[in-house]
PDB file of N, CA and C in Angstrom:
ATOM      1  N   UNK A   1       0.828  -1.188   0.000  1.00  0.00           N
ATOM      2  CA  UNK A   1       0.000   0.000   0.000  1.00  0.00           C
ATOM      3  C   UNK A   1       0.876   1.256   0.000  1.00  0.00           C
ATOM      4  N   UNK A   2       1.980   1.221   0.728  1.00  0.00           N
ATOM      5  CA  UNK A   2       2.846   2.385   0.789  1.00  0.00           C
ATOM      6  C   UNK A   2       3.424   2.703  -0.593  1.00  0.00           C
ATOM      7  N   UNK A   3       3.775   1.659  -1.351  1.00  0.00           N
ATOM      8  CA  UNK A   3       4.290   1.862  -2.710  1.00  0.00           C
ATOM      9  C   UNK A   3       3.253   2.539  -3.600  1.00  0.00           C
ATOM     10  N   UNK A   4       2.003   2.112  -3.471  1.00  0.00           N
ATOM     11  CA  UNK A   4       0.935   2.696  -4.273  1.00  0.00           C
ATOM     12  C   UNK A   4       0.802   4.185  -3.961  1.00  0.00           C
ATOM     13  N   UNK A   5       0.878   4.551  -2.691  1.00  0.00           N
ATOM     14  CA  UNK A   5       0.790   5.961  -2.315  1.00  0.00           C
ATOM     15  C   UNK A   5       1.885   6.790  -2.950  1.00  0.00           C
ATOM     16  N   UNK A   6       3.112   6.303  -2.898  1.00  0.00           N
ATOM     17  CA  UNK A   6       4.223   7.037  -3.510  1.00  0.00           C
ATOM     18  C   UNK A   6       4.083   7.089  -5.016  1.00  0.00           C
ATOM     19  N   UNK A   7       3.592   6.005  -5.622  1.00  0.00           N
ATOM     20  CA  UNK A   7       3.371   6.003  -7.064  1.00  0.00           C
ATOM     21  C   UNK A   7       2.357   7.072  -7.442  1.00  0.00           C
ATOM     22  N   UNK A   8       1.263   7.172  -6.677  1.00  0.00           N
ATOM     23  CA  UNK A   8       0.244   8.180  -6.970  1.00  0.00           C
ATOM     24  C   UNK A   8       0.789   9.588  -6.803  1.00  0.00           C
ATOM     25  N   UNK A   9       1.638   9.800  -5.792  1.00  0.00           N
ATOM     26  CA  UNK A   9       2.260  11.111  -5.608  1.00  0.00           C
ATOM     27  C   UNK A   9       3.129  11.434  -6.812  1.00  0.00           C
ATOM     28  N   UNK A  10       3.892  10.472  -7.271  1.00  0.00           N
ATOM     29  CA  UNK A  10       4.760  10.676  -8.434  1.00  0.00           C
ATOM     30  C   UNK A  10       3.936  11.003  -9.678  1.00  0.00           C
ATOM     31  N   UNK A  11       2.897  10.233  -9.923  1.00  0.00           N
ATOM     32  CA  UNK A  11       2.043  10.476 -11.088  1.00  0.00           C
ATOM     33  C   UNK A  11       1.366  11.833 -10.988  1.00  0.00           C
ATOM     34  N   UNK A  12       0.832  12.153  -9.824  1.00  0.00           N
ATOM     35  CA  UNK A  12       0.150  13.434  -9.641  1.00  0.00           C
ATOM     36  C   UNK A  12       1.123  14.585  -9.823  1.00  0.00           C
ATOM     37  N   UNK A  13       2.332  14.458  -9.301  1.00  0.00           N
ATOM     38  CA  UNK A  13       3.339  15.502  -9.450  1.00  0.00           C
ATOM     39  C   UNK A  13       3.720  15.717 -10.902  1.00  0.00           C
ATOM     40  N   UNK A  14       3.799  14.646 -11.647  1.00  0.00           N
ATOM     41  CA  UNK A  14       4.142  14.751 -13.062  1.00  0.00           C
ATOM     42  C   UNK A  14       3.010  15.359 -13.871  1.00  0.00           C
ATOM     43  N   UNK A  15       1.807  15.247 -13.380  1.00  0.00           N
ATOM     44  CA  UNK A  15       0.654  15.785 -14.104  1.00  0.00           C
ATOM     45  C   UNK A  15       0.500  17.284 -13.890  1.00  0.00           C
ATOM     46  N   UNK A  16       1.335  17.876 -13.050  1.00  0.00           N
ATOM     47  CA  UNK A  16       1.281  19.312 -12.822  1.00  0.00           C
ATOM     48  C   UNK A  16       0.217  19.742 -11.824  1.00  0.00           C
ATOM     49  N   UNK A  17      -0.135  18.888 -10.909  1.00  0.00           N
ATOM     50  CA  UNK A  17      -1.126  19.228  -9.900  1.00  0.00           C
ATOM     51  C   UNK A  17      -0.477  20.010  -8.769  1.00  0.00           C
ATOM     52  N   UNK A  18      -1.246  20.921  -8.155  1.00  0.00           N
ATOM     53  CA  UNK A  18      -0.731  21.619  -6.975  1.00  0.00           C
ATOM     54  C   UNK A  18      -0.885  20.699  -5.756  1.00  0.00           C
ATOM     55  N   UNK A  19      -0.408  21.134  -4.606  1.00  0.00           N
ATOM     56  CA  UNK A  19      -0.419  20.284  -3.411  1.00  0.00           C
ATOM     57  C   UNK A  19      -1.821  19.880  -2.973  1.00  0.00           C
ATOM     58  N   UNK A  20      -2.767  20.803  -3.027  1.00  0.00           N
ATOM     59  CA  UNK A  20      -4.148  20.479  -2.636  1.00  0.00           C
ATOM     60  C   UNK A  20      -4.766  19.468  -3.598  1.00  0.00           C
ATOM     61  N   UNK A  21      -4.477  19.617  -4.889  1.00  0.00           N
ATOM     62  CA  UNK A  21      -4.997  18.668  -5.866  1.00  0.00           C
ATOM     63  C   UNK A  21      -4.364  17.289  -5.667  1.00  0.00           C
ATOM     64  N   UNK A  22      -3.070  17.254  -5.386  1.00  0.00           N
ATOM     65  CA  UNK A  22      -2.402  15.973  -5.129  1.00  0.00           C
ATOM     66  C   UNK A  22      -3.033  15.268  -3.941  1.00  0.00           C
ATOM     67  N   UNK A  23      -3.294  16.036  -2.906  1.00  0.00           N
ATOM     68  CA  UNK A  23      -3.931  15.478  -1.711  1.00  0.00           C
ATOM     69  C   UNK A  23      -5.293  14.883  -2.059  1.00  0.00           C
ATOM     70  N   UNK A  24      -6.088  15.608  -2.835  1.00  0.00           N
ATOM     71  CA  UNK A  24      -7.400  15.114  -3.253  1.00  0.00           C
ATOM     72  C   UNK A  24      -7.311  13.896  -4.146  1.00  0.00           C
ATOM     73  N   UNK A  25      -6.346  13.904  -5.077  1.00  0.00           N
ATOM     74  CA  UNK A  25      -6.131  12.778  -5.989  1.00  0.00           C
ATOM     75  C   UNK A  25      -5.814  11.510  -5.205  1.00  0.00           C
ATOM     76  N   UNK A  26      -4.907  11.633  -4.258  1.00  0.00           N
ATOM     77  CA  UNK A  26      -4.490  10.481  -3.462  1.00  0.00           C
ATOM     78  C   UNK A  26      -5.645   9.984  -2.597  1.00  0.00           C
ATOM     79  N   UNK A  27      -6.363  10.901  -1.950  1.00  0.00           N
ATOM     80  CA  UNK A  27      -7.493  10.511  -1.101  1.00  0.00           C
ATOM     81  C   UNK A  27      -8.573   9.814  -1.923  1.00  0.00           C
ATOM     82  N   UNK A  28      -8.927  10.387  -3.070  1.00  0.00           N
ATOM     83  CA  UNK A  28      -9.976   9.780  -3.895  1.00  0.00           C
ATOM     84  C   UNK A  28      -9.597   8.362  -4.305  1.00  0.00           C
ATOM     85  N   UNK A  29      -8.390   8.189  -4.813  1.00  0.00           N
ATOM     86  CA  UNK A  29      -7.991   6.866  -5.306  1.00  0.00           C
ATOM     87  C   UNK A  29      -7.801   5.857  -4.179  1.00  0.00           C
ATOM     88  N   UNK A  30      -7.366   6.308  -3.019  1.00  0.00           N
ATOM     89  CA  UNK A  30      -7.269   5.397  -1.874  1.00  0.00           C
ATOM     90  C   UNK A  30      -8.668   4.948  -1.449  1.00  0.00           C
ATOM     91  N   UNK A  31      -9.615   5.863  -1.423  1.00  0.00           N
ATOM     92  CA  UNK A  31     -10.984   5.524  -1.035  1.00  0.00           C
ATOM     93  C   UNK A  31     -11.677   4.688  -2.098  1.00  0.00           C
ATOM     94  N   UNK A  32     -11.384   4.953  -3.340  1.00  0.00           N
ATOM     95  CA  UNK A  32     -12.015   4.228  -4.439  1.00  0.00           C
ATOM     96  C   UNK A  32     -11.670   2.744  -4.414  1.00  0.00           C
ATOM     97  N   UNK A  33     -10.576   2.384  -3.776  1.00  0.00           N
ATOM     98  CA  UNK A  33     -10.197   0.974  -3.667  1.00  0.00           C
ATOM     99  C   UNK A  33     -11.310   0.152  -3.015  1.00  0.00           C
ATOM    100  N   UNK A  34     -12.115   0.779  -2.156  1.00  0.00           N
ATOM    101  CA  UNK A  34     -13.226   0.086  -1.509  1.00  0.00           C
ATOM    102  C   UNK A  34     -14.576   0.386  -2.115  1.00  0.00           C
ATOM    103  N   UNK A  35     -14.617   1.232  -3.124  1.00  0.00           N
ATOM    104  CA  UNK A  35     -15.882   1.642  -3.747  1.00  0.00           C
ATOM    105  C   UNK A  35     -15.659   1.763  -5.254  1.00  0.00           C
ATOM    106  N   UNK A  36     -15.644   0.636  -5.913  1.00  0.00           N
ATOM    107  CA  UNK A  36     -15.215   0.599  -7.312  1.00  0.00           C
ATOM    108  C   UNK A  36     -16.094   1.354  -8.294  1.00  0.00           C
ATOM    109  N   UNK A  37     -17.328   1.688  -7.915  1.00  0.00           N
ATOM    110  CA  UNK A  37     -18.176   2.406  -8.876  1.00  0.00           C
ATOM    111  C   UNK A  37     -17.951   3.915  -8.845  1.00  0.00           C
ATOM    112  N   UNK A  38     -17.124   4.402  -7.919  1.00  0.00           N
ATOM    113  CA  UNK A  38     -16.875   5.844  -7.827  1.00  0.00           C
ATOM    114  C   UNK A  38     -16.073   6.326  -9.036  1.00  0.00           C
ATOM    115  N   UNK A  39     -16.500   7.470  -9.578  1.00  0.00           N
ATOM    116  CA  UNK A  39     -15.852   8.065 -10.743  1.00  0.00           C
ATOM    117  C   UNK A  39     -15.522   9.520 -10.418  1.00  0.00           C
ATOM    118  N   UNK A  40     -14.267   9.887 -10.575  1.00  0.00           N
ATOM    119  CA  UNK A  40     -13.837  11.255 -10.338  1.00  0.00           C
ATOM    120  C   UNK A  40     -14.383  12.148 -11.444  1.00  0.00           C
ATOM    121  N   UNK A  41     -15.109  13.188 -11.062  1.00  0.00           N
ATOM    122  CA  UNK A  41     -15.690  14.121 -12.016  1.00  0.00           C
ATOM    123  C   UNK A  41     -14.840  15.379 -12.166  1.00  0.00           C
ATOM    124  N   UNK A  42     -14.326  15.890 -11.041  1.00  0.00           N
ATOM    125  CA  UNK A  42     -13.569  17.143 -11.079  1.00  0.00           C
ATOM    126  C   UNK A  42     -12.649  17.214  -9.868  1.00  0.00           C
ATOM    127  N   UNK A  43     -11.480  17.786 -10.083  1.00  0.00           N
ATOM    128  CA  UNK A  43     -10.516  18.041  -9.020  1.00  0.00           C
ATOM    129  C   UNK A  43     -10.078  19.489  -9.184  1.00  0.00           C
ATOM    130  N   UNK A  44     -10.588  20.359  -8.308  1.00  0.00           N
ATOM    131  CA  UNK A  44     -10.363  21.793  -8.489  1.00  0.00           C
ATOM    132  C   UNK A  44      -9.014  22.240  -7.936  1.00  0.00           C
ATOM    133  N   UNK A  45      -8.630  23.469  -8.265  1.00  0.00           N
ATOM    134  CA  UNK A  45      -7.377  24.053  -7.782  1.00  0.00           C
ATOM    135  C   UNK A  45      -7.336  24.118  -6.258  1.00  0.00           C
ATOM    136  N   UNK A  46      -8.491  24.252  -5.625  1.00  0.00           N
ATOM    137  CA  UNK A  46      -8.557  24.354  -4.163  1.00  0.00           C
ATOM    138  C   UNK A  46      -8.528  22.991  -3.485  1.00  0.00           C
ATOM    139  N   UNK A  47      -8.522  21.917  -4.280  1.00  0.00           N
ATOM    140  CA  UNK A  47      -8.490  20.573  -3.732  1.00  0.00           C
ATOM    141  C   UNK A  47      -9.850  19.943  -3.541  1.00  0.00           C
ATOM    142  N   UNK A  48     -10.908  20.649  -3.974  1.00  0.00           N
ATOM    143  CA  UNK A  48     -12.250  20.061  -3.882  1.00  0.00           C
ATOM    144  C   UNK A  48     -12.334  18.874  -4.831  1.00  0.00           C
ATOM    145  N   UNK A  49     -12.856  17.774  -4.334  1.00  0.00           N
ATOM    146  CA  UNK A  49     -13.001  16.549  -5.112  1.00  0.00           C
ATOM    147  C   UNK A  49     -14.485  16.341  -5.379  1.00  0.00           C
ATOM    148  N   UNK A  50     -14.859  16.280  -6.635  1.00  0.00           N
ATOM    149  CA  UNK A  50     -16.243  16.008  -7.026  1.00  0.00           C
ATOM    150  C   UNK A  50     -16.257  14.639  -7.695  1.00  0.00           C
ATOM    151  N   UNK A  51     -17.130  13.775  -7.216  1.00  0.00           N
ATOM    152  CA  UNK A  51     -17.197  12.436  -7.801  1.00  0.00           C
ATOM    153  C   UNK A  51     -18.627  11.935  -7.785  1.00  0.00           C
ATOM    154  N   UNK A  52     -18.871  10.872  -8.540  1.00  0.00           N
ATOM    155  CA  UNK A  52     -20.167  10.202  -8.589  1.00  0.00           C
ATOM    156  C   UNK A  52     -19.989   8.746  -8.230  1.00  0.00           C
ATOM    157  N   UNK A  53     -21.018   8.161  -7.666  1.00  0.00           N
ATOM    158  CA  UNK A  53     -21.034   6.731  -7.396  1.00  0.00           C
ATOM    159  C   UNK A  53     -22.268   6.131  -8.059  1.00  0.00           C
ATOM    160  N   UNK A  54     -22.187   4.849  -8.362  1.00  0.00           N
ATOM    161  CA  UNK A  54     -23.300   4.195  -9.027  1.00  0.00           C
ATOM    162  C   UNK A  54     -24.309   3.583  -8.067  1.00  0.00           C
ATOM    163  N   UNK A  55     -23.905   3.394  -6.813  1.00  0.00           N
ATOM    164  CA  UNK A  55     -24.864   2.826  -5.864  1.00  0.00           C
ATOM    165  C   UNK A  55     -24.675   3.413  -4.474  1.00  0.00           C
ATOM    166  N   UNK A  56     -25.677   3.190  -3.636  1.00  0.00           N
ATOM    167  CA  UNK A  56     -25.686   3.768  -2.298  1.00  0.00           C
ATOM    168  C   UNK A  56     -24.592   3.246  -1.387  1.00  0.00           C
ATOM    169  N   UNK A  57     -24.233   1.969  -1.537  1.00  0.00           N
ATOM    170  CA  UNK A  57     -23.179   1.406  -0.701  1.00  0.00           C
ATOM    171  C   UNK A  57     -21.859   2.113  -0.988  1.00  0.00           C
ATOM    172  N   UNK A  58     -21.527   2.281  -2.265  1.00  0.00           N
ATOM    173  CA  UNK A  58     -20.294   2.976  -2.626  1.00  0.00           C
ATOM    174  C   UNK A  58     -20.334   4.436  -2.194  1.00  0.00           C
ATOM    175  N   UNK A  59     -21.512   5.056  -2.265  1.00  0.00           N
ATOM    176  CA  UNK A  59     -21.655   6.437  -1.795  1.00  0.00           C
ATOM    177  C   UNK A  59     -21.271   6.530  -0.321  1.00  0.00           C
ATOM    178  N   UNK A  60     -21.827   5.645   0.486  1.00  0.00           N
ATOM    179  CA  UNK A  60     -21.550   5.668   1.927  1.00  0.00           C
ATOM    180  C   UNK A  60     -20.091   5.382   2.226  1.00  0.00           C
ATOM    181  N   UNK A  61     -19.519   4.390   1.548  1.00  0.00           N
ATOM    182  CA  UNK A  61     -18.108   4.050   1.758  1.00  0.00           C
ATOM    183  C   UNK A  61     -17.188   5.200   1.369  1.00  0.00           C
ATOM    184  N   UNK A  62     -17.442   5.805   0.213  1.00  0.00           N
ATOM    185  CA  UNK A  62     -16.601   6.908  -0.257  1.00  0.00           C
ATOM    186  C   UNK A  62     -16.697   8.100   0.688  1.00  0.00           C
ATOM    187  N   UNK A  63     -17.891   8.454   1.058  1.00  0.00           N
ATOM    188  CA  UNK A  63     -18.070   9.620   1.926  1.00  0.00           C
ATOM    189  C   UNK A  63     -17.358   9.417   3.265  1.00  0.00           C
ATOM    190  N   UNK A  64     -17.538   8.263   3.880  1.00  0.00           N
ATOM    191  CA  UNK A  64     -16.890   7.981   5.165  1.00  0.00           C
ATOM    192  C   UNK A  64     -15.370   7.990   5.017  1.00  0.00           C
ATOM    193  N   UNK A  65     -14.870   7.418   3.960  1.00  0.00           N
ATOM    194  CA  UNK A  65     -13.423   7.365   3.735  1.00  0.00           C
ATOM    195  C   UNK A  65     -12.858   8.761   3.497  1.00  0.00           C
ATOM    196  N   UNK A  66     -13.511   9.548   2.656  1.00  0.00           N
ATOM    197  CA  UNK A  66     -13.023  10.907   2.377  1.00  0.00           C
ATOM    198  C   UNK A  66     -13.063  11.762   3.643  1.00  0.00           C
ATOM    199  N   UNK A  67     -14.108  11.627   4.432  1.00  0.00           N
ATOM    200  CA  UNK A  67     -14.196  12.391   5.673  1.00  0.00           C
ATOM    201  C   UNK A  67     -13.110  11.963   6.657  1.00  0.00           C
ATOM    202  N   UNK A  68     -12.775  10.680   6.680  1.00  0.00           N
ATOM    203  CA  UNK A  68     -11.694  10.194   7.547  1.00  0.00           C
ATOM    204  C   UNK A  68     -10.336  10.732   7.088  1.00  0.00           C
ATOM    205  N   UNK A  69     -10.246  11.130   5.829  1.00  0.00           N
ATOM    206  CA  UNK A  69      -8.996  11.658   5.278  1.00  0.00           C
ATOM    207  C   UNK A  69      -8.953  13.188   5.307  1.00  0.00           C
ATOM    208  N   UNK A  70      -9.857  13.810   6.044  1.00  0.00           N
ATOM    209  CA  UNK A  70      -9.794  15.257   6.235  1.00  0.00           C
ATOM    210  C   UNK A  70     -10.629  16.091   5.291  1.00  0.00           C
ATOM    211  N   UNK A  71     -11.689  15.518   4.749  1.00  0.00           N
ATOM    212  CA  UNK A  71     -12.582  16.244   3.849  1.00  0.00           C
ATOM    213  C   UNK A  71     -13.962  16.363   4.464  1.00  0.00           C
ATOM    214  N   UNK A  72     -14.651  17.452   4.159  1.00  0.00           N
ATOM    215  CA  UNK A  72     -16.055  17.630   4.525  1.00  0.00           C
ATOM    216  C   UNK A  72     -16.847  17.403   3.236  1.00  0.00           C
ATOM    217  N   UNK A  73     -17.765  16.462   3.269  1.00  0.00           N
ATOM    218  CA  UNK A  73     -18.484  16.094   2.048  1.00  0.00           C
ATOM    219  C   UNK A  73     -19.969  16.408   2.158  1.00  0.00           C
ATOM    220  N   UNK A  74     -20.541  16.811   1.034  1.00  0.00           N
ATOM    221  CA  UNK A  74     -21.982  16.985   0.969  1.00  0.00           C
ATOM    222  C   UNK A  74     -22.476  16.469  -0.363  1.00  0.00           C
ATOM    223  N   UNK A  75     -23.745  16.125  -0.359  1.00  0.00           N
ATOM    224  CA  UNK A  75     -24.368  15.604  -1.564  1.00  0.00           C
ATOM    225  C   UNK A  75     -24.669  16.770  -2.487  1.00  0.00           C
ATOM    226  N   UNK A  76     -24.092  16.724  -3.661  1.00  0.00           N
ATOM    227  CA  UNK A  76     -24.360  17.748  -4.657  1.00  0.00           C
ATOM    228  C   UNK A  76     -25.617  17.388  -5.425  1.00  0.00           C
ATOM    229  N   UNK A  77     -25.608  17.645  -6.687  1.00  0.00           N
ATOM    230  CA  UNK A  77     -26.752  17.328  -7.532  1.00  0.00           C
ATOM    231  C   UNK A  77     -26.872  15.826  -7.721  1.00  0.00           C
ATOM    232  N   UNK A  78     -28.089  15.330  -7.745  1.00  0.00           N
ATOM    233  CA  UNK A  78     -28.312  13.922  -8.044  1.00  0.00           C
ATOM    234  C   UNK A  78     -28.582  13.801  -9.537  1.00  0.00           C
ATOM    235  N   UNK A  79     -27.760  13.020 -10.204  1.00  0.00           N
ATOM    236  CA  UNK A  79     -27.939  12.769 -11.630  1.00  0.00           C
ATOM    237  C   UNK A  79     -28.613  11.408 -11.778  1.00  0.00           C
ATOM    238  N   UNK A  80     -29.914  11.390 -11.875  1.00  0.00           N
ATOM    239  CA  UNK A  80     -30.635  10.123 -11.907  1.00  0.00           C
ATOM    240  C   UNK A  80     -30.473   9.434 -10.564  1.00  0.00           C
ATOM    241  N   UNK A  81     -30.016   8.196 -10.589  1.00  0.00           N
ATOM    242  CA  UNK A  81     -29.810   7.441  -9.352  1.00  0.00           C
ATOM    243  C   UNK A  81     -28.377   7.559  -8.864  1.00  0.00           C
ATOM    244  N   UNK A  82     -27.565   8.370  -9.524  1.00  0.00           N
ATOM    245  CA  UNK A  82     -26.151   8.469  -9.162  1.00  0.00           C
ATOM    246  C   UNK A  82     -25.884   9.740  -8.366  1.00  0.00           C
ATOM    247  N   UNK A  83     -25.614   9.598  -7.072  1.00  0.00           N
ATOM    248  CA  UNK A  83     -25.300  10.797  -6.288  1.00  0.00           C
ATOM    249  C   UNK A  83     -23.984  11.437  -6.736  1.00  0.00           C
ATOM    250  N   UNK A  84     -23.997  12.721  -6.872  1.00  0.00           N
ATOM    251  CA  UNK A  84     -22.796  13.502  -7.187  1.00  0.00           C
ATOM    252  C   UNK A  84     -22.378  14.143  -5.869  1.00  0.00           C
ATOM    253  N   UNK A  85     -21.170  13.859  -5.410  1.00  0.00           N
ATOM    254  CA  UNK A  85     -20.722  14.306  -4.101  1.00  0.00           C
ATOM    255  C   UNK A  85     -19.576  15.298  -4.231  1.00  0.00           C
ATOM    256  N   UNK A  86     -19.611  16.347  -3.434  1.00  0.00           N
ATOM    257  CA  UNK A  86     -18.554  17.350  -3.368  1.00  0.00           C
ATOM    258  C   UNK A  86     -17.859  17.200  -2.029  1.00  0.00           C
ATOM    259  N   UNK A  87     -16.527  17.051  -2.036  1.00  0.00           N
ATOM    260  CA  UNK A  87     -15.757  16.947  -0.799  1.00  0.00           C
ATOM    261  C   UNK A  87     -14.729  18.074  -0.783  1.00  0.00           C
ATOM    262  N   UNK A  88     -14.754  18.857   0.281  1.00  0.00           N
ATOM    263  CA  UNK A  88     -13.895  20.016   0.434  1.00  0.00           C
ATOM    264  C   UNK A  88     -12.835  19.732   1.484  1.00  0.00           C
ATOM    265  N   UNK A  89     -11.576  20.115   1.243  1.00  0.00           N
ATOM    266  CA  UNK A  89     -10.563  19.912   2.278  1.00  0.00           C
ATOM    267  C   UNK A  89     -10.906  20.741   3.512  1.00  0.00           C
ATOM    268  N   UNK A  90     -10.801  20.109   4.676  1.00  0.00           N
ATOM    269  CA  UNK A  90     -11.001  20.839   5.927  1.00  0.00           C
ATOM    270  C   UNK A  90      -9.759  21.675   6.206  1.00  0.00           C
ATOM    271  N   UNK A  91      -9.931  22.875   6.734  1.00  0.00           N
ATOM    272  CA  UNK A  91      -8.750  23.697   7.063  1.00  0.00           C
ATOM    273  C   UNK A  91      -7.876  22.980   8.083  1.00  0.00           C
ATOM    274  N   UNK A  92      -6.572  23.094   7.916  1.00  0.00           N
ATOM    275  CA  UNK A  92      -5.637  22.421   8.825  1.00  0.00           C
ATOM    276  C   UNK A  92      -5.514  23.158  10.129  1.00  0.00           C
TER     277      UNK A  92
END
């Protein structure tokens, strides 16, 4: 798992992401390991992570995981049966 984290940091750094975006990228992909239907929709300059899930179980797992990693999440727009979730980095 530690290797995967460093790999993601390396990939994110090469993609030209700022520190907040890297943090969001790593958190999303670490959480997605337990919620395979989650799809990253947007990663803003401020580190806000917007994603969608295909089912309620993945929604709950992703939200709990992102919040455990220092994000405050709320349900954004619902696109059909797919919740669109916005997670904002909590101030340090």
